[in-house]
Amino acid sequence: MMHHAQKNLKHALVPTCRVFFEEFLKSDFFVQENGMTVLVTPMCARCDRLFGVGEVKEVETRGNITRIKLTDLTASLTIYTNKTIHVEGVKANTGEKKTYLAFLCNLHLREGAGKRNILLAEEVETVEERVRNGWILTTAWLTMERIELLRSAISSKNQEQENVFSDNFKEAVEHYALDNDKLDAFASTAINAVKSMWKDYHTKTKETIVELVRKAEKSGIGREKLVRALKTKGLKEEWVEEVIDELIMEGQCYETDSGVLKS
């Protein structure tokens, strides 16, 4: 599903960036490039389009325009689209099933007082949670990669290092007043997003295993059968094995000599 979403949403010929929502919301440095206005983010990603995946928090439709508020665990972002999407029952903190959306948005700068970016979705697609998780991991890796390149370029003032970024590298560094403290802050954002994702993922995996063992009642469920069942849900075997062992240590279930798990 992840590759499917990317294949559909990443065909643009103009700069398409993948950054955390928090970084995007702090971006306000624009340059002219080939007759187009391109946004340069604090971590020096060049962006005319934004590719992202987030959990849907709010949906409001007025006429043929739908406003969607999403979160990627770093911040909330609002996008607009005239595309038909099917996102039902989205209400924050209701305990309802979460909905995730992948999107490709064009950036439009609203001029005048209080300049801000308007995100108009060219393509939107509902996706599974694992697609969102994959987006977070990839975005965190790309963010950390840019941060390390920035550290090197800023500290060494090496022209070759600077050329890794755009011709506007020096202007961007000056505009955002980049220093090690700011780079550390963006690194922490990426790390915390991954930590939050894994914590939530870990909790859900434990709950799923406990529920399956309980449903098996007195007969129990074989460890191998349980692992196979969860692998079909996209969970890695090593991960499932670790969580099962953790549940046994916590006393939430036990394993018989024949490899059967019971509660």
Protein backbone atom coordinates (compact mmCIF):
# COMPACT_ATOMS: atom_id res chain seq x y z
CA MET A 1 0.00 0.00 0.00
CA MET A 2 2.88 2.37 0.80
CA HIS A 3 4.43 1.94 -2.64
CA HIS A 4 0.98 2.22 -4.21
CA ALA A 5 0.35 5.56 -2.50
CA GLN A 6 3.77 6.89 -3.47
CA LYS A 7 3.39 5.73 -7.05
CA ASN A 8 0.12 7.59 -7.37
CA LEU A 9 1.20 10.70 -5.50
CA LYS A 10 4.84 11.29 -6.44
CA HIS A 11 4.86 11.94 -10.15
CA ALA A 12 5.47 15.69 -10.05
CA LEU A 13 8.14 17.30 -12.23
CA VAL A 14 8.45 20.31 -9.91
CA PRO A 15 10.08 20.04 -6.46
CA THR A 16 8.05 17.74 -4.19
CA CYS A 17 9.16 17.67 -0.58
CA ARG A 18 8.53 15.31 2.29
CA VAL A 19 8.92 17.11 5.62
CA PHE A 20 7.21 16.89 8.98
CA PHE A 21 4.23 19.19 9.38
CA GLU A 22 5.96 21.19 12.11
CA GLU A 23 8.86 22.06 9.81
CA PHE A 24 6.50 22.98 7.00
CA LEU A 25 4.48 25.30 9.25
CA LYS A 26 7.69 27.10 10.24
CA SER A 27 8.67 27.63 6.60
CA ASP A 28 8.41 31.15 5.17
CA PHE A 29 11.43 31.62 2.89
CA PHE A 30 10.48 31.81 -0.80
CA VAL A 31 12.72 31.94 -3.86
CA GLN A 32 12.07 32.29 -7.57
CA GLU A 33 13.15 29.30 -9.61
CA ASN A 34 12.42 28.76 -13.32
CA GLY A 35 9.58 31.23 -13.15
CA MET A 36 8.02 29.51 -10.13
CA THR A 37 7.88 30.43 -6.47
CA VAL A 38 9.56 27.69 -4.44
CA LEU A 39 9.47 27.36 -0.66
CA VAL A 40 12.73 26.56 1.15
CA THR A 41 12.11 25.00 4.57
CA PRO A 42 14.25 25.57 7.71
CA MET A 43 16.12 22.32 6.98
CA CYS A 44 16.66 23.50 3.39
CA ALA A 45 14.20 21.20 1.61
CA ARG A 46 12.98 22.82 -1.61
CA CYS A 47 9.25 22.57 -1.99
CA ASP A 48 6.66 23.46 -4.59
CA ARG A 49 4.50 20.49 -3.68
CA LEU A 50 4.13 18.66 -0.38
CA PHE A 51 3.71 14.90 -0.09
CA GLY A 52 2.47 13.77 3.30
CA VAL A 53 0.47 11.23 5.28
CA GLY A 54 -1.45 12.04 8.41
CA GLU A 55 -4.24 11.01 10.72
CA VAL A 56 -7.50 12.79 9.92
CA LYS A 57 -8.80 14.90 12.80
CA GLU A 58 -11.48 17.07 11.20
CA VAL A 59 -13.37 17.16 7.92
CA GLU A 60 -15.62 20.01 6.81
CA THR A 61 -17.23 20.32 3.39
CA ARG A 62 -18.63 23.57 2.05
CA GLY A 63 -19.92 23.46 -1.49
CA ASN A 64 -17.40 21.51 -3.55
CA ILE A 65 -14.43 22.29 -1.29
CA THR A 66 -13.44 20.03 1.61
CA ARG A 67 -11.21 21.23 4.43
CA ILE A 68 -9.23 18.45 6.14
CA LYS A 69 -7.19 18.79 9.32
CA LEU A 70 -4.50 16.14 9.79
CA THR A 71 -1.71 15.39 12.25
CA ASP A 72 1.60 13.58 11.73
CA LEU A 73 2.52 13.48 15.46
CA THR A 74 4.53 16.74 15.17
CA ALA A 75 1.78 19.25 14.35
CA SER A 76 -1.65 19.70 12.79
CA LEU A 77 -1.93 20.77 9.17
CA THR A 78 -4.93 21.89 7.14
CA ILE A 79 -5.36 21.03 3.47
CA TYR A 80 -8.14 21.81 1.00
CA THR A 81 -9.41 19.72 -1.88
CA ASN A 82 -12.21 19.58 -4.43
CA LYS A 83 -11.61 15.85 -4.88
CA THR A 84 -14.22 13.36 -3.74
CA ILE A 85 -13.02 11.42 -0.70
CA HIS A 86 -14.80 9.04 1.62
CA VAL A 87 -13.84 9.82 5.20
CA GLU A 88 -16.70 9.00 7.52
CA GLY A 89 -17.22 9.46 11.23
CA VAL A 90 -14.10 11.50 11.88
CA LYS A 91 -14.35 13.10 15.30
CA ALA A 92 -11.46 13.72 17.63
CA ASN A 93 -11.28 11.77 20.90
CA THR A 94 -14.35 9.61 20.26
CA GLY A 95 -12.58 6.28 20.25
CA GLU A 96 -13.70 5.68 16.67
CA LYS A 97 -11.40 3.96 14.21
CA LYS A 98 -8.64 6.27 13.04
CA THR A 99 -8.48 7.32 9.41
CA TYR A 100 -5.23 8.08 7.59
CA LEU A 101 -4.86 10.09 4.43
CA ALA A 102 -2.01 10.40 1.93
CA PHE A 103 -1.95 13.61 -0.09
CA LEU A 104 -0.05 15.52 -2.71
CA CYS A 105 -0.62 19.26 -2.34
CA ASN A 106 0.28 22.26 -4.44
CA LEU A 107 1.52 25.24 -2.45
CA HIS A 108 -0.17 28.57 -3.01
CA LEU A 109 1.11 31.69 -1.30
CA ARG A 110 -1.58 34.07 -0.07
CA GLU A 111 -0.13 37.54 -0.49
CA GLY A 112 -0.79 40.57 1.66
CA ALA A 113 -0.79 40.93 5.42
CA GLY A 114 -0.19 37.68 7.21
CA LYS A 115 1.29 35.75 4.29
CA ARG A 116 0.64 32.06 4.59
CA ASN A 117 0.77 28.90 2.54
CA ILE A 118 -2.49 27.44 1.27
CA LEU A 119 -2.30 23.71 0.56
CA LEU A 120 -4.54 22.59 -2.28
CA ALA A 121 -4.61 18.81 -2.60
CA GLU A 122 -4.11 17.60 -6.15
CA GLU A 123 -4.49 13.99 -5.05
CA VAL A 124 -5.79 12.42 -1.83
CA GLU A 125 -6.15 8.78 -0.85
CA THR A 126 -7.15 6.97 2.32
CA VAL A 127 -4.43 4.57 3.43
CA GLU A 128 -3.69 2.08 6.19
CA GLU A 129 -1.91 2.97 9.40
CA ARG A 130 1.25 1.18 8.30
CA VAL A 131 1.51 3.61 5.37
CA ARG A 132 1.48 6.52 7.83
CA ASN A 133 4.08 4.73 9.95
CA GLY A 134 6.30 4.19 6.92
CA TRP A 135 5.97 7.88 6.01
CA ILE A 136 7.06 8.91 9.50
CA LEU A 137 10.11 6.64 9.42
CA THR A 138 11.18 7.80 5.96
CA THR A 139 10.55 11.47 6.74
CA ALA A 140 12.53 11.19 9.98
CA TRP A 141 15.46 9.63 8.10
CA LEU A 142 15.39 12.36 5.43
CA THR A 143 15.17 15.06 8.10
CA MET A 144 18.14 13.68 10.03
CA GLU A 145 20.12 13.37 6.79
CA ARG A 146 19.52 17.04 5.95
CA ILE A 147 20.40 18.07 9.50
CA GLU A 148 23.78 16.32 9.38
CA LEU A 149 24.55 17.85 5.97
CA LEU A 150 23.59 21.26 7.33
CA ARG A 151 25.82 20.83 10.38
CA SER A 152 28.74 19.99 8.13
CA ALA A 153 28.07 22.80 5.66
CA ILE A 154 27.58 25.44 8.36
CA SER A 155 30.58 24.44 10.45
CA SER A 156 33.05 23.83 7.62
CA LYS A 157 31.86 26.62 5.31
CA ASN A 158 32.93 24.28 2.54
CA GLN A 159 31.61 25.27 -0.88
CA GLU A 160 31.26 21.64 -1.93
CA GLN A 161 29.11 20.91 1.13
CA GLU A 162 27.00 23.99 0.47
CA ASN A 163 26.36 22.87 -3.09
CA VAL A 164 24.50 19.84 -1.74
CA PHE A 165 21.68 22.29 -1.12
CA SER A 166 20.24 24.96 -3.42
CA ASP A 167 21.87 28.14 -4.68
CA ASN A 168 19.97 29.90 -1.90
CA PHE A 169 21.65 27.94 0.89
CA LYS A 170 23.38 30.94 2.49
CA GLU A 171 20.23 33.05 2.30
CA ALA A 172 18.18 30.26 3.91
CA VAL A 173 20.69 29.82 6.73
CA GLU A 174 20.60 33.55 7.38
CA HIS A 175 16.80 33.80 7.05
CA TYR A 176 16.16 31.03 9.59
CA ALA A 177 19.19 32.00 11.73
CA LEU A 178 20.24 28.37 11.74
CA ASP A 179 22.61 27.20 14.46
CA ASN A 180 23.25 23.96 16.32
CA ASP A 181 20.48 24.63 18.84
CA LYS A 182 17.86 24.96 16.08
CA LEU A 183 19.21 21.89 14.31
CA ASP A 184 19.00 19.96 17.61
CA ALA A 185 15.37 21.08 18.04
CA PHE A 186 14.37 19.77 14.59
CA ALA A 187 16.28 16.54 15.26
CA SER A 188 14.31 16.11 18.49
CA THR A 189 11.06 16.63 16.59
CA ALA A 190 11.94 13.79 14.21
CA ILE A 191 13.06 11.48 17.02
CA ASN A 192 9.97 12.16 19.14
CA ALA A 193 7.66 11.49 16.19
CA VAL A 194 9.22 8.06 15.72
CA LYS A 195 9.07 7.35 19.46
CA SER A 196 5.38 8.30 19.62
CA MET A 197 4.60 6.12 16.61
CA TRP A 198 6.38 3.07 18.06
CA LYS A 199 4.76 3.55 21.47
CA ASP A 200 1.29 3.58 19.91
CA TYR A 201 2.19 0.69 17.59
CA HIS A 202 3.56 -1.33 20.50
CA THR A 203 0.43 -0.78 22.61
CA LYS A 204 -1.90 -1.81 19.78
CA THR A 205 0.12 -4.96 19.07
CA LYS A 206 -0.06 -6.00 22.73
CA GLU A 207 -3.81 -5.37 22.85
CA THR A 208 -4.32 -7.43 19.69
CA ILE A 209 -2.35 -10.40 21.04
CA VAL A 210 -4.11 -10.33 24.42
CA GLU A 211 -7.50 -10.24 22.67
CA LEU A 212 -6.65 -13.21 20.41
CA VAL A 213 -5.43 -15.27 23.36
CA ARG A 214 -8.55 -14.46 25.37
CA LYS A 215 -10.82 -15.38 22.48
CA ALA A 216 -9.13 -18.79 22.31
CA GLU A 217 -10.33 -19.37 25.92
CA LYS A 218 -9.27 -22.64 27.57
CA SER A 219 -7.90 -24.24 24.42
CA GLY A 220 -5.40 -21.43 23.94
CA ILE A 221 -3.67 -20.53 20.69
CA GLY A 222 -0.37 -21.84 19.37
CA ARG A 223 2.46 -19.32 19.28
CA GLU A 224 3.26 -20.17 15.65
CA LYS A 225 -0.38 -19.77 14.62
CA LEU A 226 -0.57 -16.43 16.42
CA VAL A 227 2.60 -15.16 14.75
CA ARG A 228 1.31 -16.22 11.31
CA ALA A 229 -2.01 -14.45 11.95
CA LEU A 230 -0.32 -11.19 12.88
CA LYS A 231 2.11 -11.41 9.96
CA THR A 232 -0.91 -11.21 7.64
CA LYS A 233 -1.67 -7.85 9.30
CA GLY A 234 1.74 -6.53 8.27
CA LEU A 235 3.57 -7.17 11.56
CA LYS A 236 7.09 -8.57 11.41
CA GLU A 237 7.68 -11.96 13.01
CA GLU A 238 10.56 -10.72 15.19
CA TRP A 239 8.42 -7.87 16.50
CA VAL A 240 5.51 -10.19 17.37
CA GLU A 241 7.83 -12.63 19.14
CA GLU A 242 9.24 -9.82 21.28
CA VAL A 243 5.78 -8.58 22.28
CA ILE A 244 4.62 -12.12 23.16
CA ASP A 245 7.65 -12.60 25.40
CA GLU A 246 6.95 -9.23 27.04
CA LEU A 247 3.34 -10.23 27.76
CA ILE A 248 4.49 -13.51 29.30
CA MET A 249 6.96 -11.65 31.55
CA GLU A 250 4.17 -9.27 32.60
CA GLY A 251 1.93 -12.22 33.48
CA GLN A 252 -0.80 -11.31 30.99
CA CYS A 253 -0.52 -14.76 29.42
CA TYR A 254 1.59 -17.91 29.74
CA GLU A 255 2.97 -20.52 27.38
CA THR A 256 2.60 -24.27 27.82
CA ASP A 257 5.39 -26.75 27.09
CA SER A 258 3.72 -27.47 23.75
CA GLY A 259 3.94 -23.82 22.68
CA VAL A 260 0.31 -22.89 23.33
CA LEU A 261 -0.48 -19.43 24.72
CA LYS A 262 -3.22 -19.08 27.31
CA SER A 263 -4.49 -16.26 29.50
